[in-house]
Protein backbone atom coordinates (compact mmCIF):
# COMPACT_ATOMS: atom_id res chain seq x y z
CA MET A 1 33.76 -27.96 42.84
CA ALA A 2 33.59 -25.57 45.76
CA THR A 3 30.43 -23.58 46.34
CA ALA A 4 30.74 -19.95 45.68
CA PRO A 5 30.76 -17.66 48.61
CA VAL A 6 27.71 -15.91 49.89
CA TYR A 7 27.44 -12.44 48.35
CA LEU A 8 27.04 -9.70 50.81
CA ASP A 9 28.25 -6.58 48.93
CA TYR A 10 25.09 -5.33 47.38
CA ASN A 11 25.98 -1.79 48.16
CA ALA A 12 29.07 -2.14 45.88
CA THR A 13 26.96 -3.57 43.01
CA THR A 14 24.02 -5.60 42.30
CA PRO A 15 23.59 -8.58 39.74
CA VAL A 16 21.54 -7.62 36.72
CA ALA A 17 17.97 -8.80 37.05
CA PRO A 18 16.85 -11.17 34.46
CA GLU A 19 14.17 -8.95 33.27
CA VAL A 20 16.61 -6.18 32.87
CA ALA A 21 19.16 -8.38 30.88
CA ASP A 22 16.37 -9.60 28.64
CA ALA A 23 15.70 -5.88 27.75
CA ILE A 24 19.12 -5.26 26.65
CA GLU A 25 19.74 -7.60 23.63
CA PRO A 26 17.00 -6.19 21.42
CA TYR A 27 18.65 -2.68 21.37
CA LEU A 28 22.05 -4.24 20.50
CA ARG A 29 20.75 -6.18 17.55
CA GLU A 30 17.32 -5.33 16.10
CA HIS A 31 16.65 -1.76 17.33
CA PHE A 32 20.19 -0.41 17.03
CA GLY A 33 19.33 3.00 15.66
CA ASN A 34 20.64 6.45 16.76
CA PRO A 35 17.67 7.95 18.89
CA SER A 36 18.50 11.33 17.18
CA SER A 37 17.82 9.86 13.66
CA SER A 38 14.30 10.61 12.14
CA HIS A 39 13.90 7.34 10.41
CA PHE A 40 12.18 4.16 11.68
CA TYR A 41 15.39 2.75 13.36
CA GLY A 42 16.04 5.98 15.16
CA GLN A 43 12.57 6.53 16.20
CA ARG A 44 12.40 3.04 17.72
CA ALA A 45 15.47 3.69 19.82
CA LYS A 46 14.00 7.06 20.83
CA GLN A 47 10.76 5.52 21.99
CA ALA A 48 12.80 3.19 24.17
CA VAL A 49 14.63 6.20 25.69
CA CYS A 50 11.36 8.08 26.32
CA GLN A 51 9.81 5.07 27.88
CA ALA A 52 12.72 4.69 30.12
CA ARG A 53 12.65 8.32 31.06
CA GLU A 54 9.03 7.81 32.18
CA GLU A 55 9.97 4.82 34.24
CA VAL A 56 12.90 6.34 36.07
CA ALA A 57 10.68 9.53 36.66
CA THR A 58 7.88 7.45 38.24
CA LEU A 59 10.47 5.69 40.55
CA ILE A 60 11.39 9.07 42.17
CA GLY A 61 8.12 11.04 41.65
CA ALA A 62 9.47 13.38 39.05
CA GLU A 63 8.40 14.51 35.57
CA ALA A 64 9.98 12.65 32.57
CA GLY A 65 11.41 15.87 31.35
CA GLU A 66 13.35 16.33 34.74
CA ILE A 67 15.42 13.13 34.07
CA VAL A 68 18.84 13.41 32.40
CA PHE A 69 20.62 10.11 31.49
CA THR A 70 24.35 9.77 32.24
CA GLY A 71 27.02 7.10 32.14
CA CYS A 72 27.05 6.48 35.84
CA ALA A 73 26.39 8.13 39.21
CA THR A 74 29.73 9.69 39.38
CA GLU A 75 29.09 11.63 36.25
CA ALA A 76 25.62 12.68 37.43
CA ASN A 77 27.18 13.94 40.75
CA ASN A 78 29.92 15.80 38.77
CA LEU A 79 27.27 17.16 36.48
CA ALA A 80 24.95 18.28 39.23
CA ILE A 81 27.64 20.15 41.20
CA LEU A 82 29.65 21.65 38.35
CA GLY A 83 26.48 22.43 36.44
CA VAL A 84 25.18 24.59 39.32
CA ALA A 85 28.67 26.15 39.85
CA ARG A 86 28.77 27.20 36.18
CA ALA A 87 25.35 28.54 36.18
CA LEU A 88 25.54 30.51 39.57
CA GLY A 89 29.37 31.11 39.87
CA GLY A 90 29.05 34.82 38.77
CA GLY A 91 27.31 35.81 41.88
CA LYS A 92 27.29 32.97 44.41
CA ARG A 93 30.62 31.36 45.28
CA HIS A 94 29.97 29.39 48.56
CA LEU A 95 29.10 25.56 48.65
CA ILE A 96 28.15 23.22 51.41
CA THR A 97 28.59 19.46 51.70
CA SER A 98 28.83 16.88 54.42
CA ALA A 99 32.02 14.99 55.90
CA VAL A 100 30.66 11.50 54.67
CA GLU A 101 30.10 12.11 51.03
CA HIS A 102 31.07 9.70 48.29
CA PRO A 103 34.36 10.89 46.41
CA SER A 104 32.32 11.47 43.39
CA VAL A 105 30.69 14.36 45.40
CA MET A 106 33.61 15.53 47.59
CA GLN A 107 36.17 15.55 44.71
CA PRO A 108 34.18 18.04 42.55
CA PHE A 109 33.84 20.35 45.65
CA LEU A 110 37.57 20.07 46.31
CA ARG A 111 38.13 21.10 42.67
CA LEU A 112 36.01 23.95 42.94
CA ARG A 113 37.69 25.08 46.18
CA ASP A 114 41.08 24.94 44.37
CA GLU A 115 39.47 27.38 41.81
CA GLY A 116 38.64 29.85 44.39
CA TRP A 117 35.08 28.75 45.62
CA GLU A 118 34.64 28.45 49.45
CA VAL A 119 33.46 25.11 50.51
CA SER A 120 31.95 24.44 54.01
CA VAL A 121 32.10 20.73 55.15
CA ILE A 122 29.53 19.87 57.70
CA PRO A 123 30.39 17.28 60.36
CA VAL A 124 28.17 14.25 61.35
CA ASP A 125 27.25 12.93 64.69
CA GLY A 126 28.26 9.46 66.03
CA THR A 127 25.54 7.74 64.02
CA GLY A 128 26.64 9.44 60.69
CA ARG A 129 23.74 11.89 60.54
CA VAL A 130 24.02 15.53 59.51
CA ASP A 131 22.36 17.95 61.90
CA PRO A 132 20.01 20.31 59.81
CA GLN A 133 20.81 23.11 62.39
CA ALA A 134 24.59 22.76 61.44
CA VAL A 135 23.62 23.22 57.88
CA GLU A 136 21.55 26.26 58.78
CA ARG A 137 24.44 27.83 60.70
CA ALA A 138 26.68 27.35 57.55
CA LEU A 139 24.16 29.08 55.06
CA ARG A 140 25.16 32.34 53.65
CA PRO A 141 23.63 34.94 51.16
CA ASP A 142 26.16 33.66 48.59
CA THR A 143 25.48 30.08 49.05
CA ALA A 144 24.85 28.40 45.73
CA LEU A 145 24.41 24.79 46.55
CA VAL A 146 24.10 22.24 49.57
CA SER A 147 24.78 18.64 48.67
CA VAL A 148 24.06 15.94 51.16
CA MET A 149 23.77 12.28 50.30
CA HIS A 150 20.31 10.66 50.94
CA ALA A 151 21.84 7.35 52.54
CA ASN A 152 25.42 6.53 53.33
CA ASN A 153 27.04 3.83 51.18
CA GLU A 154 29.14 2.34 54.04
CA VAL A 155 26.93 2.59 57.21
CA GLY A 156 23.58 3.00 55.65
CA THR A 157 22.55 6.08 57.77
CA ILE A 158 19.74 7.95 56.02
CA GLN A 159 20.19 11.81 56.11
CA PRO A 160 17.31 14.28 56.99
CA ILE A 161 17.14 15.78 53.47
CA ALA A 162 13.49 17.05 53.78
CA GLY A 163 14.58 18.88 56.92
CA ILE A 164 17.48 20.44 55.08
CA ALA A 165 15.34 21.35 52.18
CA ARG A 166 13.06 23.41 54.47
CA LEU A 167 16.05 25.45 55.14
CA THR A 168 17.46 25.98 51.73
CA ARG A 169 14.23 26.32 49.63
CA PRO A 170 13.10 29.44 51.16
CA ARG A 171 16.44 31.09 50.63
CA GLY A 172 16.58 30.07 47.10
CA ILE A 173 19.57 27.82 47.63
CA LEU A 174 19.74 24.62 45.47
CA LEU A 175 19.69 21.30 47.18
CA HIS A 176 21.43 18.09 45.66
CA SER A 177 21.24 14.67 47.03
CA ASP A 178 23.11 11.58 45.92
CA ALA A 179 20.59 8.77 46.17
CA ALA A 180 22.86 6.08 44.43
CA GLN A 181 22.30 3.91 47.48
CA SER A 182 18.73 4.45 48.51
CA ALA A 183 16.82 3.94 45.28
CA GLY A 184 15.22 0.61 45.32
CA LYS A 185 15.71 0.21 49.09
CA ILE A 186 13.52 2.91 50.42
CA GLU A 187 11.27 5.37 49.16
CA VAL A 188 12.98 8.22 47.09
CA ASN A 189 10.45 10.97 46.18
CA VAL A 190 11.89 14.25 44.98
CA ALA A 191 8.81 16.22 46.05
CA HIS A 192 8.80 14.71 49.58
CA LEU A 193 12.48 15.30 49.91
CA GLY A 194 12.45 18.80 48.51
CA VAL A 195 15.63 18.34 46.45
CA ASP A 196 16.42 20.31 43.22
CA LEU A 197 18.84 17.70 41.83
CA LEU A 198 19.21 14.04 42.72
CA THR A 199 21.50 11.37 41.53
CA LEU A 200 20.76 7.66 40.62
CA ALA A 201 23.15 4.66 39.96
CA GLY A 202 21.64 1.85 37.77
CA HIS A 203 23.91 -0.95 39.04
CA LYS A 204 22.74 -0.26 42.55
CA PHE A 205 19.26 -1.41 41.85
CA TYR A 206 19.77 -4.35 39.49
CA ALA A 207 20.54 -2.60 36.12
CA PRO A 208 24.04 -2.78 34.43
CA LYS A 209 27.06 -0.76 35.36
CA GLY A 210 27.55 2.17 32.93
CA VAL A 211 24.37 3.93 33.22
CA GLY A 212 22.93 6.59 35.60
CA ALA A 213 20.58 9.41 35.89
CA LEU A 214 20.36 12.86 37.20
CA TYR A 215 17.04 14.53 38.27
CA VAL A 216 17.05 18.22 37.58
CA ARG A 217 14.01 20.06 38.90
CA LYS A 218 12.27 22.25 36.22
CA GLY A 219 13.53 25.72 36.45
CA THR A 220 16.74 24.90 38.21
CA ALA A 221 19.75 27.22 37.39
CA PHE A 222 21.98 24.86 35.49
CA ALA A 223 24.46 24.80 32.78
CA PRO A 224 25.92 22.02 30.79
CA VAL A 225 29.59 20.78 31.70
CA LEU A 226 30.42 19.29 28.32
CA ALA A 227 30.15 20.95 24.93
CA GLY A 228 28.32 19.01 22.02
CA ALA A 229 24.96 18.50 20.52
CA GLY A 230 21.58 18.94 22.25
CA HIS A 231 21.20 15.59 23.74
CA GLU A 232 19.32 15.13 27.03
CA HIS A 233 17.69 18.44 26.91
CA GLY A 234 21.02 19.93 26.04
CA LEU A 235 22.48 19.09 29.51
CA ARG A 236 24.50 16.04 28.68
CA PRO A 237 25.85 15.91 25.10
CA GLY A 238 26.59 12.54 23.31
CA THR A 239 24.55 9.64 21.73
CA GLU A 240 22.45 7.98 24.29
CA ASN A 241 23.49 4.35 25.31
CA VAL A 242 19.99 3.00 24.40
CA ALA A 243 20.39 -0.49 25.38
CA PHE A 244 21.44 0.39 28.91
CA ILE A 245 19.09 3.29 29.30
CA ALA A 246 16.20 0.76 28.39
CA ALA A 247 17.63 -1.51 30.93
CA LEU A 248 17.57 1.20 33.43
CA GLY A 249 13.90 1.91 32.79
CA ILE A 250 13.09 -1.80 33.33
CA ALA A 251 15.04 -1.80 36.55
CA ALA A 252 13.36 1.37 37.80
CA ARG A 253 9.78 -0.12 37.24
CA LEU A 254 10.81 -3.20 39.02
CA ALA A 255 12.13 -1.26 41.88
CA HIS A 256 8.98 0.80 42.14
CA GLU A 257 6.70 -2.29 41.92
CA ARG A 258 8.78 -4.42 44.54
CA LEU A 259 9.82 -1.79 46.91
CA PRO A 260 7.24 -2.46 49.80
CA LYS A 261 8.03 -6.19 49.96
CA ALA A 262 11.79 -5.59 49.23
CA GLN A 263 12.12 -3.28 52.26
CA VAL A 264 10.66 -5.84 54.59
CA ARG A 265 12.67 -8.79 53.20
CA LEU A 266 15.86 -6.79 53.19
CA LYS A 267 15.49 -5.70 56.89
CA ALA A 268 14.63 -9.28 57.92
CA LEU A 269 17.70 -10.58 56.36
CA ARG A 270 20.02 -7.80 57.74
CA ASP A 271 18.50 -8.23 61.25
CA GLN A 272 18.91 -12.00 60.91
CA LEU A 273 22.60 -11.69 60.38
CA HIS A 274 23.00 -8.92 62.91
CA LEU A 275 21.34 -11.21 65.62
CA GLN A 276 23.71 -14.19 64.80
CA LEU A 277 26.82 -11.92 64.86
CA LEU A 278 25.86 -10.44 68.27
CA ALA A 279 25.31 -13.84 69.65
CA GLY A 280 28.73 -15.07 68.58
CA VAL A 281 30.82 -12.10 68.98
CA PRO A 282 31.01 -10.45 72.34
CA GLY A 283 31.65 -6.85 71.98
CA LEU A 284 30.45 -6.47 68.47
CA ARG A 285 29.52 -2.84 67.74
CA LEU A 286 27.04 -1.40 65.33
CA ASN A 287 28.18 1.47 63.10
CA GLY A 288 25.47 3.95 61.89
CA HIS A 289 21.99 4.80 63.00
CA ALA A 290 20.15 2.06 64.65
CA GLU A 291 16.63 3.10 63.07
CA GLN A 292 17.50 5.67 60.46
CA ARG A 293 19.29 3.16 58.08
CA LEU A 294 19.06 1.35 54.83
CA PRO A 295 17.15 -1.89 55.43
CA ASN A 296 19.83 -3.83 53.68
CA THR A 297 22.93 -2.53 55.17
CA LEU A 298 24.83 -3.81 58.33
CA ASN A 299 28.14 -2.08 59.19
CA VAL A 300 29.60 -3.67 62.42
CA SER A 301 32.94 -3.65 64.10
CA PHE A 302 34.63 -6.81 65.40
CA PRO A 303 36.69 -6.20 68.43
CA ASP A 304 40.45 -6.67 68.33
CA VAL A 305 40.77 -7.81 64.73
CA ASN A 306 41.49 -6.17 61.36
CA GLY A 307 38.34 -6.08 59.07
CA HIS A 308 40.50 -6.82 56.03
CA SER A 309 42.01 -9.85 57.65
CA LEU A 310 38.66 -11.11 58.85
CA LEU A 311 37.14 -10.96 55.42
CA GLU A 312 40.31 -12.70 54.06
CA THR A 313 39.91 -15.44 56.64
CA ALA A 314 36.10 -16.11 55.76
CA ALA A 315 36.54 -15.51 52.01
CA ARG A 316 35.77 -19.02 50.99
CA ASP A 317 32.21 -18.44 52.55
CA VAL A 318 31.32 -14.69 52.47
CA ALA A 319 32.17 -11.99 49.88
CA ALA A 320 31.95 -8.46 51.49
CA SER A 321 34.00 -5.36 51.96
CA THR A 322 35.31 -3.20 54.79
CA GLY A 323 33.59 -0.05 53.30
CA SER A 324 33.01 1.71 49.87
CA ALA A 325 34.14 -0.35 46.91
CA CYS A 326 35.88 2.71 45.71
CA HIS A 327 38.48 2.10 48.45
CA SER A 328 37.99 -1.39 49.85
CA ALA A 329 41.51 -2.38 48.74
CA ASP A 330 43.01 0.20 51.11
CA ASP A 331 43.83 -0.97 54.58
CA ALA A 332 43.35 2.43 56.07
CA ALA A 333 40.42 3.07 58.34
CA SER A 334 37.29 4.24 56.66
CA GLY A 335 36.99 8.01 56.32
CA VAL A 336 33.36 7.72 57.02
CA LEU A 337 33.92 6.05 60.43
CA GLY A 338 36.71 8.67 60.97
CA ALA A 339 34.14 11.49 60.56
CA MET A 340 31.85 9.66 63.00
CA LYS A 341 34.68 9.66 65.42
CA THR A 342 34.29 5.98 66.16
CA GLY A 343 38.05 5.65 67.16
CA ARG A 344 40.71 3.98 65.13
CA ASP A 345 40.57 0.48 66.58
CA ARG A 346 36.68 0.21 66.00
CA ALA A 347 37.15 1.59 62.51
CA ILE A 348 39.94 -0.87 61.63
CA GLY A 349 37.78 -3.65 62.87
CA ALA A 350 34.68 -2.68 60.76
CA ILE A 351 33.17 -4.49 57.90
CA ARG A 352 30.16 -3.68 55.63
CA LEU A 353 27.62 -6.40 54.99
CA SER A 354 25.03 -5.55 52.60
CA VAL A 355 22.02 -8.01 51.45
CA GLY A 356 19.92 -8.13 48.38
CA ILE A 357 16.43 -9.14 47.52
CA HIS A 358 17.52 -12.45 46.42
CA THR A 359 19.99 -13.37 49.33
CA PRO A 360 18.96 -16.78 50.69
CA SER A 361 18.19 -17.15 54.46
CA ALA A 362 20.50 -20.02 54.53
CA GLY A 363 23.40 -17.92 53.08
CA ILE A 364 22.98 -15.57 55.93
CA ASP A 365 23.47 -18.42 58.41
CA ARG A 366 26.48 -19.55 56.41
CA ALA A 367 28.14 -16.14 56.34
CA ALA A 368 27.49 -15.58 59.96
CA ARG A 369 29.11 -18.87 60.91
CA ALA A 370 32.09 -18.10 58.79
CA LEU A 371 32.45 -14.78 60.28
CA ILE A 372 32.18 -15.76 63.82
CA ALA A 373 34.66 -18.54 63.11
CA GLY A 374 37.18 -16.30 61.41
CA TRP A 375 36.85 -13.70 64.37
CA LYS A 376 37.64 -16.57 66.89
CA GLN A 377 40.63 -17.66 64.95
CA LEU A 378 41.99 -14.27 64.63
CA HIS A 379 41.05 -13.21 68.16
CA THR A 380 42.70 -16.03 69.99
C-alpha cells in the first residue's frame, strides 16, 4: 500500500486532536440534554458549554461572558459585521476593511455596500501588511467599523492590529479582527490587540469543523442578525451544539497550554522546508512578510511553472494548496497576491505550505524533495 502524502495544508484545516475527539462522544450519548432545559440532563450540558466558554475566553484573554459560540468562523465574521451595521446603521454608514480579507469578511461588506453603505478598502504593501496610517486617512466621523484580519490565511502576514486600535478606540470606532488563522499559532489577546470583536475557527486549532466563536467586548454596540430565542446572550439564537462546543473548549485549553513550544516547533519546521526549497530551486521567491508572519506558514513562488501543476506533479508525496481552501480549485492567480502586486507570473507559480504541531521532520524532507523534483520536471 502506498504511503499517504505529507499533509502540509494546516491553514485549510487541522486534524482533530485525540483529546478533543475524546471529549465529543459523551455529549452525543450520555450528556445529550438541551442546555436550556432545567433538569439534570440539560444542566449537565449547560455546564459543558459554560466550561468551554471559560476555556475559549482564557485562550484570548477575554471574559467568559464576552464569548458567543457560532457554527463556524464564517458565521462569526458575518455576525460581527452585520451585527454592528444593524446596531449603528442609523447614524454611521461608513465601513473600512483591507484588500486581503477572507471572503467571509469581504462578502458581508460588499452586501452592505449594495445596501447603500460606503465601504473603503485599504490596500496592502508588498508583504501583505496594512499601513495604520492608511487606515487613519480613511477614518471619518461616520465610520462605524474597521475590520482587518489578524493574520493572512494565504501568506501568513501578521497585521498591526494594536496600532490600528490606537487609532479607532479614541474615536469611538469599533474594530473587528478575524483571528481564525492566528489562534493556536501566535498569541491572541484581545486586550493587547485592542479589538472590540474577534473571530475564532475551531477547525484551525485541532477542534472539529462546524464550531467557532465570536468575542464581543462588553458594552459593544451590537444587534443580533437572526431572530429566535435568547441563546448566547441573545446574540445568536439556536440550540447550542454542545458536543462540538465542549470540543472547542478542550482545543482552546490545549492551544493555550502548548503555545510557547508550538511556536518554536512550527517555525523550525517551516524554516527547514524553506531552506531546502531555496537550495533546490534557484529563483524561489517568498511571499509575505519575512518576520511578521505566522510561524507555520510558507508561501513561495516557483519560477516559470504553474503552482497547481506543480502540486499535481508532487501529489503522491505532498498535500498542499496554492492558497485559500475556499478557492484552491480555481486556476486563477490569488487575489491576496494580486493585492500585494507580486505580478501575475509570480502569483501563478505560488503555493502555500503550512505545517502543524505533529508534522514530522522526515515529512518535511520528503515534501521538499518531491516539490524540487516536480519543479525540475515541469521547468525543463
